[in-house]
Amino acid sequence: MTVTGLIIFLIIILLVFSVVILKKNHRLHQQRKQKNIRENLSEQLSEEKEEITTIPPPPILNIPKPTSIFLVSDKGIDYTELQHLLENLQWQKADAETRFILQKIGNVVNSNYLNANDIFQLSCIDLQTIDTLWLYYSNCHFGLTVQYQLWQESKQELNLFGEWVGWCKRGVFIRESELIYDLTAPAGHLPVAYIPIVGNCLWIVLDSVTWFNQKLQSCQQN
């Protein structure tokens, strides 16, 4: 092989080698680019998911404590037992007594919850008495008014309301055994006396919250 031929051969080898190196570098560049795209997309999805699942904190309510208690009823209900239980901070028994009273004034028979008709027939006077008792003895931490105001502040968003009062955790209804019967519970956690309990779980989807707050709103307007 002549010197010229050898030079041409070496040049060809160098060109082929350069092309291989360029292709390899291009492939590595594309792989890094795709990896960066996947990582950025993953970060965006994580941020969006976190934004969606982030629950805003409940508002601070300013509810004045009742200055006096009148155990009035237009259904002939004796509220001394409920008052005694709340006065002694027996929250669980007080909630059970409240459920019993609501079913009684709602004329509920053979059922463990109040339907729409039952709720709309409840006496506003009795609801006010129940609410006053809960507000007074919990220092406005529990009560129907607390729940009503949170319901309004949540823009009547059931899941958000449920999270605020501690009846839901990340969109899942808590079990009855997970209810908190002391003042460490979230504001408005009690009473749950008008919420159906199905399979040991609070069953808010039966619209009891909506019906009950519509009734409270009606009572305030009248």
Protein backbone atom coordinates (compact mmCIF):
# COMPACT_ATOMS: atom_id res chain seq x y z
CA MET A 1 0.00 0.00 0.00
CA THR A 2 1.33 3.38 -0.98
CA VAL A 3 1.71 6.23 1.48
CA THR A 4 -1.21 8.07 -0.13
CA GLY A 5 -3.43 5.01 0.14
CA LEU A 6 -2.47 4.58 3.78
CA ILE A 7 -3.34 8.17 4.54
CA ILE A 8 -6.72 7.82 2.81
CA PHE A 9 -7.39 4.62 4.74
CA LEU A 10 -6.58 6.31 8.06
CA ILE A 11 -8.79 9.26 7.17
CA ILE A 12 -11.69 6.90 6.42
CA ILE A 13 -11.13 5.09 9.73
CA LEU A 14 -11.13 8.42 11.59
CA LEU A 15 -14.32 9.53 9.84
CA VAL A 16 -16.09 6.28 10.65
CA PHE A 17 -14.92 6.51 14.26
CA SER A 18 -16.07 10.14 14.47
CA VAL A 19 -19.50 9.23 13.11
CA VAL A 20 -19.84 6.42 15.68
CA ILE A 21 -18.81 8.79 18.49
CA LEU A 22 -21.25 11.48 17.30
CA LYS A 23 -24.13 8.99 17.12
CA LYS A 24 -23.31 7.68 20.58
CA ASN A 25 -23.14 11.20 22.01
CA HIS A 26 -26.41 12.10 20.29
CA ARG A 27 -28.09 8.99 21.71
CA LEU A 28 -26.80 9.80 25.22
CA HIS A 29 -28.01 13.37 24.84
CA GLN A 30 -31.47 12.19 23.80
CA GLN A 31 -31.62 9.75 26.72
CA ARG A 32 -30.66 12.47 29.19
CA LYS A 33 -33.22 14.80 27.63
CA GLN A 34 -35.99 12.19 27.90
CA LYS A 35 -34.96 11.45 31.48
CA ASN A 36 -35.17 15.15 32.35
CA ILE A 37 -38.59 15.38 30.71
CA ARG A 38 -39.84 12.37 32.71
CA GLU A 39 -38.43 13.78 35.96
CA ASN A 40 -40.00 17.21 35.33
CA LEU A 41 -43.32 15.62 34.46
CA SER A 42 -43.17 13.47 37.57
CA GLU A 43 -42.46 16.54 39.71
CA GLN A 44 -45.35 18.43 38.13
CA LEU A 45 -47.73 15.53 38.71
CA SER A 46 -46.55 15.24 42.32
CA GLU A 47 -47.08 18.97 42.87
CA GLU A 48 -50.53 18.84 41.27
CA LYS A 49 -51.48 15.80 43.35
CA GLU A 50 -50.25 17.50 46.51
CA GLU A 51 -52.18 20.65 45.60
CA ILE A 52 -55.36 18.65 45.00
CA THR A 53 -55.09 16.67 48.23
CA THR A 54 -54.09 19.67 50.37
CA ILE A 55 -56.99 20.55 52.62
CA PRO A 56 -57.33 24.19 53.64
CA PRO A 57 -57.49 24.74 57.40
CA PRO A 58 -60.93 25.39 58.90
CA PRO A 59 -61.81 29.02 59.55
CA ILE A 60 -61.73 30.49 63.05
CA LEU A 61 -65.32 30.98 64.15
CA ASN A 62 -66.52 33.70 66.45
CA ILE A 63 -69.64 32.31 68.10
CA PRO A 64 -70.80 34.03 71.29
CA LYS A 65 -71.45 31.71 74.20
CA PRO A 66 -75.10 31.61 75.31
CA THR A 67 -75.61 33.65 78.45
CA SER A 68 -78.53 31.60 79.71
CA ILE A 69 -80.23 28.25 79.19
CA PHE A 70 -83.95 27.64 78.86
CA LEU A 71 -85.02 24.01 78.56
CA VAL A 72 -88.01 24.74 76.37
CA SER A 73 -89.74 22.28 74.06
CA ASP A 74 -92.91 22.31 72.03
CA LYS A 75 -92.75 18.50 71.82
CA GLY A 76 -92.87 17.83 75.54
CA ILE A 77 -89.20 16.80 75.74
CA ASP A 78 -87.46 16.81 79.12
CA TYR A 79 -83.94 18.10 78.56
CA THR A 80 -82.63 17.69 82.09
CA GLU A 81 -80.83 14.43 81.26
CA LEU A 82 -79.05 15.97 78.27
CA GLN A 83 -78.11 18.98 80.36
CA HIS A 84 -76.76 16.73 83.12
CA LEU A 85 -74.62 14.73 80.68
CA LEU A 86 -73.18 17.83 79.00
CA GLU A 87 -72.58 19.58 82.30
CA ASN A 88 -70.47 16.59 83.35
CA LEU A 89 -68.67 16.48 80.00
CA GLN A 90 -70.04 13.04 79.16
CA TRP A 91 -69.93 13.77 75.47
CA GLN A 92 -70.56 10.27 74.14
CA LYS A 93 -73.63 9.72 76.29
CA ALA A 94 -74.81 13.23 75.47
CA ASP A 95 -74.56 12.49 71.76
CA ALA A 96 -76.56 9.28 72.21
CA GLU A 97 -79.18 11.20 74.20
CA THR A 98 -79.30 13.85 71.47
CA ARG A 99 -79.88 11.16 68.84
CA PHE A 100 -82.70 9.72 70.96
CA ILE A 101 -84.30 13.16 71.30
CA LEU A 102 -84.03 13.98 67.61
CA GLN A 103 -85.66 10.69 66.67
CA LYS A 104 -88.39 11.34 69.18
CA ILE A 105 -89.25 14.85 68.02
CA GLY A 106 -88.89 13.70 64.40
CA ASN A 107 -91.36 10.84 65.01
CA VAL A 108 -88.83 8.32 63.70
CA VAL A 109 -90.01 4.73 63.97
CA ASN A 110 -88.02 1.57 63.15
CA SER A 111 -85.01 3.45 61.81
CA ASN A 112 -81.63 4.57 63.13
CA TYR A 113 -81.48 7.82 61.18
CA LEU A 114 -83.61 10.76 60.13
CA ASN A 115 -84.62 11.11 56.49
CA ALA A 116 -85.42 14.40 54.77
CA ASN A 117 -89.05 14.48 55.91
CA ASP A 118 -88.07 13.67 59.49
CA ILE A 119 -85.53 16.49 59.55
CA PHE A 120 -87.76 19.12 57.99
CA GLN A 121 -90.47 18.34 60.57
CA LEU A 122 -88.14 18.93 63.52
CA SER A 123 -89.16 21.67 65.91
CA CYS A 124 -87.03 24.82 65.63
CA ILE A 125 -87.59 25.48 69.33
CA ASP A 126 -86.23 22.07 70.28
CA LEU A 127 -83.29 22.42 67.91
CA GLN A 128 -82.45 25.73 69.54
CA THR A 129 -82.57 24.14 72.99
CA ILE A 130 -80.29 21.30 71.88
CA ASP A 131 -77.91 23.74 70.23
CA THR A 132 -77.79 26.05 73.25
CA LEU A 133 -76.93 23.18 75.57
CA TRP A 134 -74.10 21.93 73.37
CA LEU A 135 -72.72 25.45 72.83
CA TYR A 136 -72.88 26.40 76.48
CA TYR A 137 -71.19 23.37 77.99
CA SER A 138 -68.53 23.01 75.27
CA ASN A 139 -67.75 26.73 75.27
CA CYS A 140 -68.90 26.89 71.63
CA HIS A 141 -66.56 24.10 70.54
CA PHE A 142 -69.43 21.73 69.76
CA GLY A 143 -72.98 22.42 68.64
CA LEU A 144 -75.32 22.75 65.70
CA THR A 145 -74.41 26.40 65.13
CA VAL A 146 -70.72 25.49 64.91
CA GLN A 147 -71.50 22.86 62.28
CA TYR A 148 -73.82 25.21 60.40
CA GLN A 149 -71.21 27.96 60.17
CA LEU A 150 -68.53 25.52 59.02
CA TRP A 151 -70.98 24.18 56.44
CA GLN A 152 -71.48 27.69 55.09
CA GLU A 153 -67.74 28.44 55.14
CA SER A 154 -67.05 25.26 53.18
CA LYS A 155 -69.36 26.56 50.43
CA GLN A 156 -71.50 23.51 51.19
CA GLU A 157 -68.71 21.23 49.96
CA LEU A 158 -69.48 17.98 51.73
CA ASN A 159 -65.98 16.47 51.67
CA LEU A 160 -64.32 19.66 52.89
CA PHE A 161 -66.90 20.06 55.65
CA GLY A 162 -66.37 16.44 56.68
CA GLU A 163 -62.62 16.96 56.85
CA TRP A 164 -62.98 20.12 58.94
CA VAL A 165 -65.21 18.54 61.58
CA GLY A 166 -63.19 15.33 61.59
CA TRP A 167 -65.81 13.01 60.14
CA CYS A 168 -63.68 12.25 57.07
CA LYS A 169 -60.00 11.54 56.57
CA ARG A 170 -58.81 12.15 53.03
CA GLY A 171 -62.29 11.60 51.70
CA VAL A 172 -62.94 8.40 53.67
CA PHE A 173 -65.64 8.35 56.35
CA ILE A 174 -64.33 7.48 59.78
CA ARG A 175 -65.69 4.62 61.82
CA GLU A 176 -67.97 5.24 64.77
CA SER A 177 -65.19 3.95 67.02
CA GLU A 178 -62.91 6.74 65.71
CA LEU A 179 -65.14 9.55 66.95
CA ILE A 180 -63.45 11.75 69.53
CA TYR A 181 -65.54 12.36 72.63
CA ASP A 182 -63.54 15.13 74.24
CA LEU A 183 -62.51 18.72 73.56
CA THR A 184 -59.40 17.69 71.63
CA ALA A 185 -61.76 16.89 68.74
CA PRO A 186 -62.05 19.39 65.87
CA ALA A 187 -64.59 22.15 66.27
CA GLY A 188 -68.05 20.93 65.28
CA HIS A 189 -67.10 17.26 65.71
CA LEU A 190 -70.15 16.75 67.91
CA PRO A 191 -73.00 16.09 67.90
CA VAL A 192 -73.20 13.44 65.18
CA ALA A 193 -76.67 12.51 66.35
CA TYR A 194 -78.31 13.19 62.98
CA ILE A 195 -75.71 11.33 60.89
CA PRO A 196 -76.62 7.77 59.86
CA ILE A 197 -74.21 5.06 60.97
CA VAL A 198 -73.97 2.19 58.49
CA GLY A 199 -71.61 -0.71 59.07
CA ASN A 200 -69.96 1.14 61.95
CA CYS A 201 -69.11 4.05 59.60
CA LEU A 202 -70.52 7.56 59.44
CA TRP A 203 -72.58 7.70 56.27
CA ILE A 204 -72.60 11.38 55.31
CA VAL A 205 -73.48 10.75 51.66
CA LEU A 206 -77.13 10.19 52.57
CA ASP A 207 -77.46 14.00 52.46
CA SER A 208 -78.20 14.25 56.17
CA VAL A 209 -75.76 17.16 56.48
CA THR A 210 -77.44 19.04 53.65
CA TRP A 211 -80.94 18.41 54.95
CA PHE A 212 -80.06 19.29 58.52
CA ASN A 213 -78.32 22.55 57.63
CA GLN A 214 -81.18 23.53 55.36
CA LYS A 215 -83.46 23.01 58.34
CA LEU A 216 -81.22 25.15 60.58
CA GLN A 217 -81.17 27.86 57.95
CA SER A 218 -84.96 27.75 57.76
CA CYS A 219 -85.17 28.08 61.54
CA GLN A 220 -82.91 31.13 61.51
CA GLN A 221 -85.00 32.81 58.85
CA ASN A 222 -88.28 32.28 60.71
